[in-house]
Protein backbone atom coordinates (compact mmCIF):
# COMPACT_ATOMS: atom_id res chain seq x y z
CA MET A 1 -100.30 -14.84 -15.99
CA ASN A 2 -98.09 -15.18 -19.08
CA ASN A 3 -97.39 -18.33 -21.12
CA LYS A 4 -93.94 -18.86 -19.61
CA GLU A 5 -95.41 -18.91 -16.11
CA LEU A 6 -98.23 -21.24 -17.10
CA THR A 7 -95.67 -23.55 -18.71
CA TYR A 8 -93.55 -23.70 -15.59
CA LEU A 9 -96.51 -24.08 -13.28
CA LYS A 10 -97.44 -27.20 -15.31
CA LYS A 11 -93.76 -28.44 -15.04
CA TYR A 12 -93.92 -27.80 -11.32
CA GLU A 13 -96.95 -29.98 -10.79
CA GLU A 14 -95.35 -32.67 -13.03
CA GLN A 15 -92.05 -32.75 -11.11
CA LYS A 16 -93.24 -31.76 -7.59
CA ASP A 17 -93.40 -35.31 -6.10
CA ARG A 18 -90.00 -36.27 -7.52
CA ILE A 19 -88.46 -33.16 -6.12
CA GLU A 20 -90.02 -33.63 -2.65
CA GLU A 21 -88.58 -37.19 -2.55
CA GLN A 22 -85.02 -35.66 -2.79
CA LEU A 23 -85.51 -33.27 0.13
CA VAL A 24 -83.84 -33.98 3.43
CA VAL A 25 -85.68 -33.99 6.83
CA GLY A 26 -86.86 -30.50 7.68
CA GLU A 27 -86.05 -29.08 4.23
CA GLU A 28 -88.88 -26.87 2.73
CA MET A 29 -89.24 -25.82 -0.84
CA LYS A 30 -90.92 -22.91 -2.58
CA HIS A 31 -91.62 -22.07 -6.24
CA CYS A 32 -90.01 -18.72 -7.01
CA LEU A 33 -93.12 -16.80 -7.96
CA ASP A 34 -92.70 -13.67 -5.81
CA LYS A 35 -93.08 -10.77 -8.19
CA LYS A 36 -93.52 -8.05 -5.59
CA SER A 37 -90.57 -8.14 -3.13
CA PHE A 38 -87.45 -6.21 -4.09
CA GLY A 39 -88.74 -5.25 -7.51
CA GLY A 40 -89.28 -8.89 -8.53
CA LYS A 41 -85.55 -9.73 -8.43
CA TYR A 42 -86.29 -13.13 -7.06
CA TYR A 43 -89.10 -14.11 -9.45
CA ASN A 44 -88.19 -16.96 -11.70
CA PRO A 45 -90.88 -19.54 -12.43
CA CYS A 46 -88.20 -21.95 -13.64
CA TRP A 47 -86.68 -22.24 -10.14
CA ILE A 48 -87.50 -24.05 -6.89
CA VAL A 49 -85.58 -22.84 -3.84
CA THR A 50 -85.29 -24.73 -0.57
CA SER A 51 -84.59 -23.77 3.01
CA LYS A 52 -81.28 -25.61 2.81
CA GLY A 53 -79.90 -23.23 0.11
CA ARG A 54 -80.50 -25.52 -2.82
CA ILE A 55 -82.05 -24.50 -6.21
CA TYR A 56 -83.78 -26.86 -8.61
CA SER A 57 -84.32 -26.03 -12.27
CA LEU A 58 -87.66 -27.15 -13.61
CA TYR A 59 -86.24 -26.68 -17.16
CA LYS A 60 -83.22 -28.88 -16.67
CA LYS A 61 -84.99 -31.16 -14.24
CA ALA A 62 -81.91 -31.13 -12.00
CA TRP A 63 -80.33 -29.29 -9.01
CA MET A 64 -78.38 -26.21 -10.04
CA ASN A 65 -74.65 -25.63 -9.28
CA PRO A 66 -74.18 -22.00 -8.07
CA TRP A 67 -71.00 -20.11 -8.90
CA LEU A 68 -68.64 -18.54 -6.41
CA ASP A 69 -68.22 -14.97 -7.58
CA SER A 70 -66.93 -11.57 -6.27
CA ILE A 71 -69.24 -9.19 -4.49
CA GLY A 72 -68.93 -5.77 -2.97
CA LYS A 73 -66.85 -2.64 -3.80
CA ARG A 74 -63.41 -3.06 -5.35
CA LYS A 75 -60.33 -2.44 -3.17
CA LYS A 76 -57.70 0.08 -4.19
CA ASP A 77 -55.66 -2.82 -5.77
CA GLY A 78 -58.66 -3.76 -7.91
CA SER A 79 -59.57 -6.96 -6.08
CA TYR A 80 -62.86 -7.59 -4.31
CA PRO A 81 -63.07 -8.14 -0.49
CA GLU A 82 -65.65 -10.97 -0.58
CA LYS A 83 -67.08 -13.81 -2.51
CA ARG A 84 -70.58 -15.24 -2.51
CA TYR A 85 -72.49 -17.98 -4.32
CA CYS A 86 -74.69 -16.81 -7.26
CA LEU A 87 -76.76 -18.10 -10.11
CA LYS A 88 -75.97 -16.88 -13.61
CA GLY A 89 -78.48 -16.64 -16.39
CA ASP A 90 -80.28 -13.65 -17.88
CA ARG A 91 -79.07 -11.82 -14.79
CA LYS A 92 -76.98 -12.60 -11.73
CA VAL A 93 -78.89 -13.70 -8.57
CA TRP A 94 -77.09 -14.11 -5.18
CA VAL A 95 -78.22 -17.27 -3.57
CA HIS A 96 -78.24 -15.91 0.10
CA LEU A 97 -80.62 -13.11 -1.05
CA LEU A 98 -82.89 -15.59 -2.91
CA VAL A 99 -83.09 -17.93 0.15
CA ALA A 100 -83.73 -15.04 2.50
CA ASN A 101 -86.51 -13.70 0.34
CA TYR A 102 -88.51 -16.91 0.50
CA PHE A 103 -87.67 -18.17 3.98
CA CYS A 104 -86.43 -15.43 6.37
CA ASP A 105 -88.54 -13.20 8.65
CA LYS A 106 -89.05 -9.75 7.08
CA ALA A 107 -89.67 -7.68 10.20
CA ALA A 108 -86.46 -5.65 9.48
CA VAL A 109 -87.58 -5.18 5.88
CA GLU A 110 -90.93 -3.75 7.01
CA LEU A 111 -89.25 -1.49 9.55
CA TYR A 112 -86.43 -0.09 7.43
CA GLY A 113 -87.62 -0.64 3.88
CA GLU A 114 -86.25 -2.89 1.14
CA LYS A 115 -83.61 -0.39 0.19
CA ASN A 116 -82.21 -0.17 3.64
CA VAL A 117 -81.57 -3.80 4.63
CA ASP A 118 -78.97 -6.46 3.91
CA VAL A 119 -78.90 -10.21 4.51
CA HIS A 120 -76.34 -11.17 7.19
CA HIS A 121 -74.82 -14.67 7.72
CA ARG A 122 -74.96 -15.67 11.33
CA ILE A 123 -71.91 -17.85 10.97
CA VAL A 124 -69.29 -15.90 8.92
CA PHE A 125 -69.43 -16.87 5.23
CA ASP A 126 -66.64 -19.28 4.36
CA ALA A 127 -65.70 -19.66 0.65
CA ALA A 128 -64.19 -23.05 1.35
CA LYS A 129 -67.54 -24.36 2.30
CA SER A 130 -70.43 -25.29 -0.07
CA CYS A 131 -73.33 -23.07 -1.03
CA GLU A 132 -75.65 -25.14 1.16
CA GLU A 133 -73.37 -24.91 4.20
CA ASN A 134 -73.25 -21.18 3.98
CA ASN A 135 -76.77 -20.27 2.74
CA TYR A 136 -79.32 -22.44 4.54
CA ALA A 137 -82.16 -20.24 5.83
CA GLY A 138 -81.25 -20.65 9.46
CA ASN A 139 -77.92 -19.04 8.91
CA LEU A 140 -79.45 -15.92 7.33
CA TYR A 141 -81.38 -12.90 8.45
CA TYR A 142 -82.27 -9.35 7.46
CA THR A 143 -80.65 -6.45 9.30
CA GLU A 144 -80.31 -2.71 8.87
CA ARG A 145 -77.84 -1.92 6.07
CA GLY A 146 -75.70 0.53 8.03
CA LEU A 147 -75.03 -1.82 10.92
CA HIS A 148 -74.48 -4.69 8.54
CA GLN A 149 -71.85 -2.70 6.71
CA GLN A 150 -70.02 -1.79 9.89
CA MET A 151 -69.81 -5.40 10.79
CA LEU A 152 -68.60 -6.38 7.33
CA ASN A 153 -65.98 -3.68 7.33
CA ARG A 154 -64.33 -5.11 10.37
CA ILE A 155 -64.66 -8.68 9.40
CA GLN A 156 -63.49 -8.14 5.77
CA ARG A 157 -60.79 -5.55 6.15
CA GLY A 158 -59.38 -6.52 9.55
CA THR A 159 -60.00 -3.06 11.10
CA TYR A 160 -61.01 -4.24 14.56
CA LYS A 161 -61.01 -0.77 16.12
CA LYS A 162 -64.11 0.26 18.04
CA GLY A 163 -66.50 2.01 15.61
CA GLU A 164 -68.01 5.34 16.37
CA ASN A 165 -71.52 3.96 16.14
CA MET A 166 -70.90 0.52 17.68
CA ASP A 167 -71.23 0.00 21.31
CA SER A 168 -68.70 -2.06 23.23
CA CYS A 169 -70.74 -5.30 23.20
CA THR A 170 -71.27 -5.14 19.42
CA TRP A 171 -67.66 -4.30 18.85
CA PHE A 172 -66.50 -7.20 21.06
CA ALA A 173 -68.71 -9.65 19.20
CA VAL A 174 -67.60 -8.53 15.71
CA ASN A 175 -63.94 -8.48 16.79
CA ASN A 176 -64.28 -12.04 18.16
CA VAL A 177 -66.05 -13.33 15.05
CA ALA A 178 -63.37 -11.86 12.81
CA HIS A 179 -60.75 -13.98 14.58
CA ASN A 180 -63.00 -17.01 15.31
CA PRO A 181 -65.16 -17.87 12.23
CA GLY A 182 -67.08 -20.49 14.25
CA SER A 183 -68.62 -17.70 16.34
CA THR A 184 -71.93 -16.09 15.40
CA VAL A 185 -73.54 -12.66 15.68
CA HIS A 186 -77.31 -12.31 15.49
CA ILE A 187 -79.09 -8.95 15.57
CA GLU A 188 -82.85 -8.85 16.00
CA THR A 189 -84.97 -5.80 15.35
CA GLN A 190 -87.49 -5.21 18.16
CA PRO A 191 -91.00 -3.74 17.65
CA ASP A 192 -89.80 -0.36 19.06
CA GLY A 193 -86.96 -0.29 16.51
CA LYS A 194 -84.17 -1.10 18.95
CA LEU A 195 -81.69 -3.83 18.15
CA LEU A 196 -81.14 -6.92 20.26
CA LEU A 197 -77.66 -8.36 19.87
CA LYS A 198 -77.15 -12.03 20.42
CA THR A 199 -73.69 -13.51 20.18
CA HIS A 200 -72.45 -17.11 20.49
CA LEU A 201 -68.76 -16.81 21.11
CA LYS A 202 -66.03 -19.40 20.85
CA LEU A 203 -63.26 -17.85 22.87
CA ARG A 204 -59.74 -19.12 22.57
CA GLY A 205 -58.86 -21.43 25.42
CA THR A 206 -62.39 -21.43 26.94
CA ASN A 207 -65.65 -23.17 26.56
CA GLU A 208 -68.30 -21.75 24.21
CA GLY A 209 -70.40 -19.02 25.70
CA SER A 210 -73.07 -16.58 24.83
CA LYS A 211 -73.99 -12.97 25.39
CA GLU A 212 -77.17 -10.96 24.92
CA LYS A 213 -77.74 -7.24 24.98
């Protein structure tokens, strides 16, 4: 344990009670001390992350204000297809990845490996909403990278054609979400490696419904 970590462990103990008083009902917090997962990307002894997508700085003794920044590959016109909230310092850290690392189930990570998973938003990310509204732990989960990218391609680029590797139920769910941001798509990895698709659809002109496959 280095001097920096010892310093912030002491700060954590000094500030812990005051931070807990500021949490809302059901909100959990964790000190960012995970050095092993994802090559230590989400290790920072200065930070406290909560299940509601909030980050507290032990150094500043205050809640941090994440930036909305571009993410993903550039389009042909030089622009980026998506934006996400991040923290900027010595290096950029995406908030949804930070929250997922400390609060989300890692069954998919164990099955596919850290290099083959992405974090998916159950309710489509909305840049008009706050970091907390988009990145609370209950809205995030790990899924296999290839499937995640297929879903993003259709939601981001508006290419709603049936994908070669997407069955009709998956395609219908992604297509619907692309047009109805209030809908959700949730894909669970089963012990045998198969994927269970759960959708909560808000269909135009109908009541809300759900499908499972």
